[in-house]
Amino acid sequence: MPNPIKRTVFFVSDGTGLTAEALGHSLLTQFEDVEFKQIRIPFLDNIAKAQDAVARINAQGELDGMRSIVFTTLVNQDLASIVHQSDAFCLSYFETFLSPLEAELGQKSNHTVGRSHGTADSSDYKKRIEAINYTLAHDDGITDRDLEESDVILVAVSRCGKTPTSLYLAMQFGLKVANFPLIPEDFDRGRLPSTLERHRPKLFGLTIQPERLTQIREERRAASKYASLPNCRYEIAEAEKMMRREGIRWLDSSTKSIEEISTTILQELKLR
């Protein structure tokens, strides 16, 4: 098997760099035969930092023997022009999308730094913080208080991805998410915990392939009954049986990213 092509990618921004990184990742994932070394340069807000970034990008290109790829979301055109003078392949989010959009709308954008991830919309920011706090307080069945405030309640056997999915929904969409593990006592009883039955419309389930669950649990508790393949098969089969019987919508998280799982939940529960 031939060695993969290796390229260095920089994400350069006058803000957090998350937008540049998200844009870059969506494009880079289309190239499976290339191995990307990814470097983020955030908060580039003056000429000195821009010049330092150029030096760093050029040095990396010399080290690699191949020019780097640069994704930028620099609003300040003077700083953007400096970075684009580097010996690299540069792609600008704003030049590619903002200029044509200005032409279509017939007006100039305000070119304000940090609009994507700042706190300009204080109500939205406050909502996300409240959602994160709620989600952390309701992780893994810690409490069943205030479930009426939740937007989503995830249920699944242990290690199916409930916690990362819950936090992603809270951080990205400002949703209050609780999650509860389905345990052998629930299967013996043959029904959901009574605290969850009252919130059935908010419930969404996750499942996973037994072999994958065993791998994940082995990292946590090696050579235990908890991680054994027969036990994983039993728990998953019982959980899926319960979700079918209770009419809970669910999906298999084995090969899906958190983003895909979250998008499905949003669609299925018709959440905005």
Protein backbone atom coordinates (compact mmCIF):
# COMPACT_ATOMS: atom_id res chain seq x y z
CA MET A 1 0.00 0.00 0.00
CA PRO A 2 1.57 3.34 -1.02
CA ASN A 3 2.33 5.93 1.62
CA PRO A 4 -0.32 8.66 1.81
CA ILE A 5 0.41 12.14 0.52
CA LYS A 6 1.16 14.48 3.44
CA ARG A 7 0.21 18.16 3.44
CA THR A 8 0.15 20.83 6.14
CA VAL A 9 -3.00 22.92 6.48
CA PHE A 10 -3.29 26.23 8.35
CA PHE A 11 -6.56 27.74 9.58
CA VAL A 12 -5.99 31.47 10.03
CA SER A 13 -8.52 33.79 11.62
CA ASP A 14 -8.90 37.08 13.47
CA GLY A 15 -11.35 35.23 15.75
CA THR A 16 -11.34 31.72 17.18
CA GLY A 17 -10.63 30.03 13.85
CA LEU A 18 -13.54 27.63 14.32
CA THR A 19 -15.30 28.78 11.16
CA ALA A 20 -12.14 28.39 9.07
CA GLU A 21 -11.55 24.98 10.60
CA ALA A 22 -15.13 23.81 9.98
CA LEU A 23 -14.97 24.99 6.37
CA GLY A 24 -11.58 23.36 5.85
CA HIS A 25 -12.58 20.06 7.44
CA SER A 26 -15.67 19.77 5.23
CA LEU A 27 -13.43 20.03 2.17
CA LEU A 28 -10.43 18.02 3.38
CA THR A 29 -12.52 14.98 4.30
CA GLN A 30 -13.15 14.48 0.57
CA PHE A 31 -9.49 13.50 0.07
CA GLU A 32 -9.02 10.11 1.74
CA ASP A 33 -5.57 9.46 0.29
CA VAL A 34 -4.05 12.61 1.76
CA GLU A 35 -2.82 12.89 5.36
CA PHE A 36 -3.29 16.43 6.67
CA LYS A 37 -1.32 18.02 9.49
CA GLN A 38 -3.64 20.75 10.75
CA ILE A 39 -2.56 23.94 12.53
CA ARG A 40 -4.86 26.71 13.77
CA ILE A 41 -3.68 30.33 14.09
CA PRO A 42 -6.45 32.27 15.91
CA PHE A 43 -6.78 35.92 16.98
CA LEU A 44 -4.60 37.31 14.21
CA ASP A 45 -5.50 40.98 14.69
CA ASN A 46 -2.43 43.08 13.82
CA ILE A 47 0.33 43.39 11.23
CA ALA A 48 3.00 41.83 13.44
CA LYS A 49 0.91 38.69 13.94
CA ALA A 50 0.17 38.53 10.22
CA GLN A 51 3.88 38.72 9.40
CA ASP A 52 4.66 36.05 12.02
CA ALA A 53 2.00 33.83 10.46
CA VAL A 54 3.53 34.25 7.01
CA ALA A 55 6.96 33.32 8.37
CA ARG A 56 5.51 30.25 10.07
CA ILE A 57 3.61 29.15 6.97
CA ASN A 58 6.65 29.60 4.73
CA ALA A 59 8.92 27.77 7.17
CA GLN A 60 6.53 24.83 7.29
CA GLY A 61 6.45 24.71 3.50
CA GLU A 62 10.23 24.57 3.36
CA LEU A 63 10.27 21.83 5.99
CA ASP A 64 7.68 19.79 4.11
CA GLY A 65 9.24 20.42 0.71
CA MET A 66 5.75 21.37 -0.46
CA ARG A 67 3.71 24.53 0.02
CA SER A 68 1.08 24.53 2.73
CA ILE A 69 -2.66 25.00 2.29
CA VAL A 70 -4.19 28.00 4.10
CA PHE A 71 -7.85 28.60 4.92
CA THR A 72 -8.55 32.15 6.13
CA THR A 73 -11.53 33.97 7.60
CA LEU A 74 -9.78 37.32 8.00
CA VAL A 75 -12.19 40.24 7.83
CA ASN A 76 -9.47 42.91 7.80
CA GLN A 77 -8.37 43.12 4.18
CA ASP A 78 -4.93 44.55 5.02
CA LEU A 79 -4.15 41.56 7.24
CA ALA A 80 -5.65 39.16 4.72
CA SER A 81 -3.45 40.55 1.92
CA ILE A 82 -0.33 40.01 4.05
CA VAL A 83 -1.21 36.38 4.81
CA HIS A 84 -2.06 35.74 1.16
CA GLN A 85 1.46 36.82 0.20
CA SER A 86 2.83 33.67 1.84
CA ASP A 87 4.22 30.93 -0.34
CA ALA A 88 1.11 28.78 0.09
CA PHE A 89 -2.16 27.85 -1.52
CA CYS A 90 -4.60 30.26 0.14
CA LEU A 91 -8.38 30.06 0.23
CA SER A 92 -10.36 32.95 1.71
CA TYR A 93 -13.82 32.31 3.10
CA PHE A 94 -14.80 35.96 2.77
CA GLU A 95 -13.41 36.52 -0.72
CA THR A 96 -15.08 33.35 -1.96
CA PHE A 97 -18.49 33.88 -0.40
CA LEU A 98 -18.90 37.36 1.08
CA SER A 99 -18.06 39.41 -2.01
CA PRO A 100 -20.55 37.58 -4.29
CA LEU A 101 -23.16 37.84 -1.52
CA GLU A 102 -22.58 41.60 -1.26
CA ALA A 103 -23.13 41.86 -5.01
CA GLU A 104 -26.33 39.83 -4.83
CA LEU A 105 -27.75 41.82 -1.89
CA GLY A 106 -26.62 45.14 -3.32
CA GLN A 107 -24.94 46.31 -0.13
CA LYS A 108 -21.65 46.04 1.71
CA SER A 109 -21.27 43.82 4.77
CA ASN A 110 -20.18 45.47 8.01
CA HIS A 111 -16.87 43.54 8.06
CA THR A 112 -17.07 43.10 11.83
CA VAL A 113 -14.54 40.77 13.42
CA GLY A 114 -15.79 37.89 15.54
CA ARG A 115 -19.44 37.83 14.46
CA SER A 116 -19.50 34.03 14.03
CA HIS A 117 -18.45 33.03 17.53
CA GLY A 118 -18.59 36.20 19.56
CA THR A 119 -21.09 37.33 22.17
CA ALA A 120 -22.77 39.95 19.98
CA ASP A 121 -26.11 38.17 20.39
CA SER A 122 -26.08 38.05 24.18
CA SER A 123 -29.43 36.25 24.42
CA ASP A 124 -28.21 33.41 22.19
CA TYR A 125 -24.93 33.19 24.09
CA LYS A 126 -26.74 33.10 27.44
CA LYS A 127 -29.04 30.37 26.12
CA ARG A 128 -26.09 28.20 25.10
CA ILE A 129 -24.37 28.63 28.48
CA GLU A 130 -27.58 27.70 30.30
CA ALA A 131 -27.99 24.67 28.05
CA ILE A 132 -24.43 23.49 28.72
CA ASN A 133 -24.88 23.86 32.48
CA TYR A 134 -28.19 21.98 32.35
CA THR A 135 -26.71 19.20 30.20
CA LEU A 136 -23.70 18.71 32.48
CA ALA A 137 -26.00 18.56 35.52
CA HIS A 138 -28.19 15.91 33.82
CA ASP A 139 -25.45 13.67 32.42
CA ASP A 140 -25.69 9.89 32.78
CA GLY A 141 -28.78 9.95 34.96
CA ILE A 142 -27.19 12.08 37.72
CA THR A 143 -30.61 13.56 38.48
CA ASP A 144 -34.17 13.36 37.24
CA ARG A 145 -35.07 16.82 38.51
CA ASP A 146 -36.35 19.51 36.14
CA LEU A 147 -36.78 17.11 33.22
CA GLU A 148 -39.73 19.21 32.09
CA GLU A 149 -37.17 21.87 31.11
CA SER A 150 -35.30 19.51 28.78
CA ASP A 151 -35.53 19.67 25.01
CA VAL A 152 -34.19 16.14 24.48
CA ILE A 153 -33.70 13.09 26.70
CA LEU A 154 -31.26 10.51 25.32
CA VAL A 155 -31.44 6.88 26.44
CA ALA A 156 -29.02 4.05 25.67
CA VAL A 157 -26.84 1.44 27.29
CA SER A 158 -23.55 2.67 28.67
CA ARG A 159 -20.89 3.93 26.20
CA CYS A 160 -23.13 4.46 23.16
CA GLY A 161 -22.21 8.14 22.79
CA LYS A 162 -24.89 9.80 24.95
CA THR A 163 -22.61 12.32 26.67
CA PRO A 164 -20.72 13.70 23.64
CA THR A 165 -23.96 13.94 21.66
CA SER A 166 -25.68 15.74 24.55
CA LEU A 167 -22.88 18.28 24.87
CA TYR A 168 -22.73 18.88 21.12
CA LEU A 169 -26.47 19.63 21.03
CA ALA A 170 -26.08 22.01 23.97
CA MET A 171 -23.01 23.82 22.67
CA GLN A 172 -24.04 24.08 19.02
CA PHE A 173 -27.79 24.57 19.30
CA GLY A 174 -28.46 25.75 22.85
CA LEU A 175 -30.60 22.68 23.62
CA LYS A 176 -31.05 21.39 27.15
CA VAL A 177 -30.29 17.69 26.99
CA ALA A 178 -30.57 15.03 29.68
CA ASN A 179 -29.30 11.50 29.19
CA PHE A 180 -29.97 8.28 31.04
CA PRO A 181 -28.30 4.86 30.82
CA LEU A 182 -30.48 1.81 30.28
CA ILE A 183 -29.34 -0.77 32.84
CA PRO A 184 -30.10 -4.46 33.59
CA GLU A 185 -32.60 -3.44 36.30
CA ASP A 186 -34.65 -1.67 33.61
CA PHE A 187 -34.58 -4.80 31.44
CA ASP A 188 -35.63 -7.04 34.38
CA ARG A 189 -38.50 -4.68 35.16
CA GLY A 190 -39.46 -4.61 31.48
CA ARG A 191 -40.20 -0.90 31.29
CA LEU A 192 -38.64 2.53 31.38
CA PRO A 193 -37.95 4.30 34.67
CA SER A 194 -41.19 6.02 35.72
CA THR A 195 -39.50 9.45 35.64
CA LEU A 196 -38.91 9.05 31.90
CA GLU A 197 -42.35 7.73 30.97
CA ARG A 198 -43.85 11.16 31.63
CA HIS A 199 -41.53 12.69 29.01
CA ARG A 200 -41.93 10.15 26.23
CA PRO A 201 -42.16 12.72 23.35
CA LYS A 202 -38.68 14.01 24.26
CA LEU A 203 -37.03 10.58 24.33
CA PHE A 204 -34.54 9.48 21.69
CA GLY A 205 -32.49 6.30 21.82
CA LEU A 206 -29.02 5.28 20.69
CA THR A 207 -27.77 1.80 19.99
CA ILE A 208 -24.48 0.37 18.71
CA GLN A 209 -23.04 -2.83 17.26
CA PRO A 210 -22.02 -5.26 20.06
CA GLU A 211 -18.49 -5.70 18.69
CA ARG A 212 -17.92 -1.96 18.67
CA LEU A 213 -19.35 -1.59 22.18
CA THR A 214 -16.99 -4.29 23.44
CA GLN A 215 -14.00 -2.42 22.01
CA ILE A 216 -15.07 0.82 23.69
CA ARG A 217 -15.79 -0.81 27.05
CA GLU A 218 -12.51 -2.77 27.00
CA GLU A 219 -10.69 0.57 27.08
CA ARG A 220 -12.56 1.43 30.26
CA ARG A 221 -12.72 -1.93 32.06
CA ALA A 222 -10.56 -4.54 30.37
CA ALA A 223 -11.43 -8.23 30.74
CA SER A 224 -14.62 -7.46 32.69
CA LYS A 225 -18.13 -8.87 32.35
CA TYR A 226 -19.21 -5.30 31.60
CA ALA A 227 -17.03 -5.31 28.46
CA SER A 228 -17.57 -8.92 27.40
CA LEU A 229 -19.15 -9.56 24.02
CA PRO A 230 -21.97 -11.78 25.39
CA ASN A 231 -22.95 -9.08 27.89
CA CYS A 232 -22.83 -6.34 25.28
CA ARG A 233 -25.01 -8.43 22.96
CA TYR A 234 -27.50 -9.00 25.79
CA GLU A 235 -27.71 -5.33 26.83
CA ILE A 236 -28.09 -4.06 23.27
CA ALA A 237 -30.73 -6.64 22.37
CA GLU A 238 -32.74 -5.81 25.51
CA ALA A 239 -32.38 -2.06 24.99
CA GLU A 240 -33.54 -2.27 21.37
CA LYS A 241 -36.45 -4.50 22.41
CA MET A 242 -37.47 -1.95 25.04
CA MET A 243 -37.20 1.00 22.64
CA ARG A 244 -39.32 -0.80 20.05
CA ARG A 245 -41.92 -1.72 22.67
CA GLU A 246 -42.03 1.82 24.08
CA GLY A 247 -42.19 3.46 20.65
CA ILE A 248 -38.93 5.37 21.14
CA ARG A 249 -37.17 6.57 18.00
CA TRP A 250 -33.53 5.49 17.87
CA LEU A 251 -30.50 5.07 15.63
CA ASP A 252 -27.31 3.05 15.45
CA SER A 253 -24.31 5.21 16.40
CA SER A 254 -21.66 2.65 15.39
CA THR A 255 -20.47 4.40 12.23
CA LYS A 256 -22.01 7.84 12.64
CA SER A 257 -20.31 11.05 13.73
CA ILE A 258 -21.68 13.20 16.54
CA GLU A 259 -22.75 15.73 13.91
CA GLU A 260 -24.74 13.08 12.00
CA ILE A 261 -26.36 11.76 15.19
CA SER A 262 -27.29 15.27 16.31
CA THR A 263 -28.75 16.21 12.94
CA THR A 264 -30.91 13.09 12.95
CA ILE A 265 -32.17 13.90 16.44
CA LEU A 266 -33.04 17.44 15.39
CA GLN A 267 -35.00 16.15 12.40
CA GLU A 268 -36.76 13.32 14.19
CA LEU A 269 -37.85 15.44 17.16
CA LYS A 270 -38.51 18.47 14.94
CA LEU A 271 -36.28 20.74 17.00
CA ARG A 272 -35.13 24.10 15.71
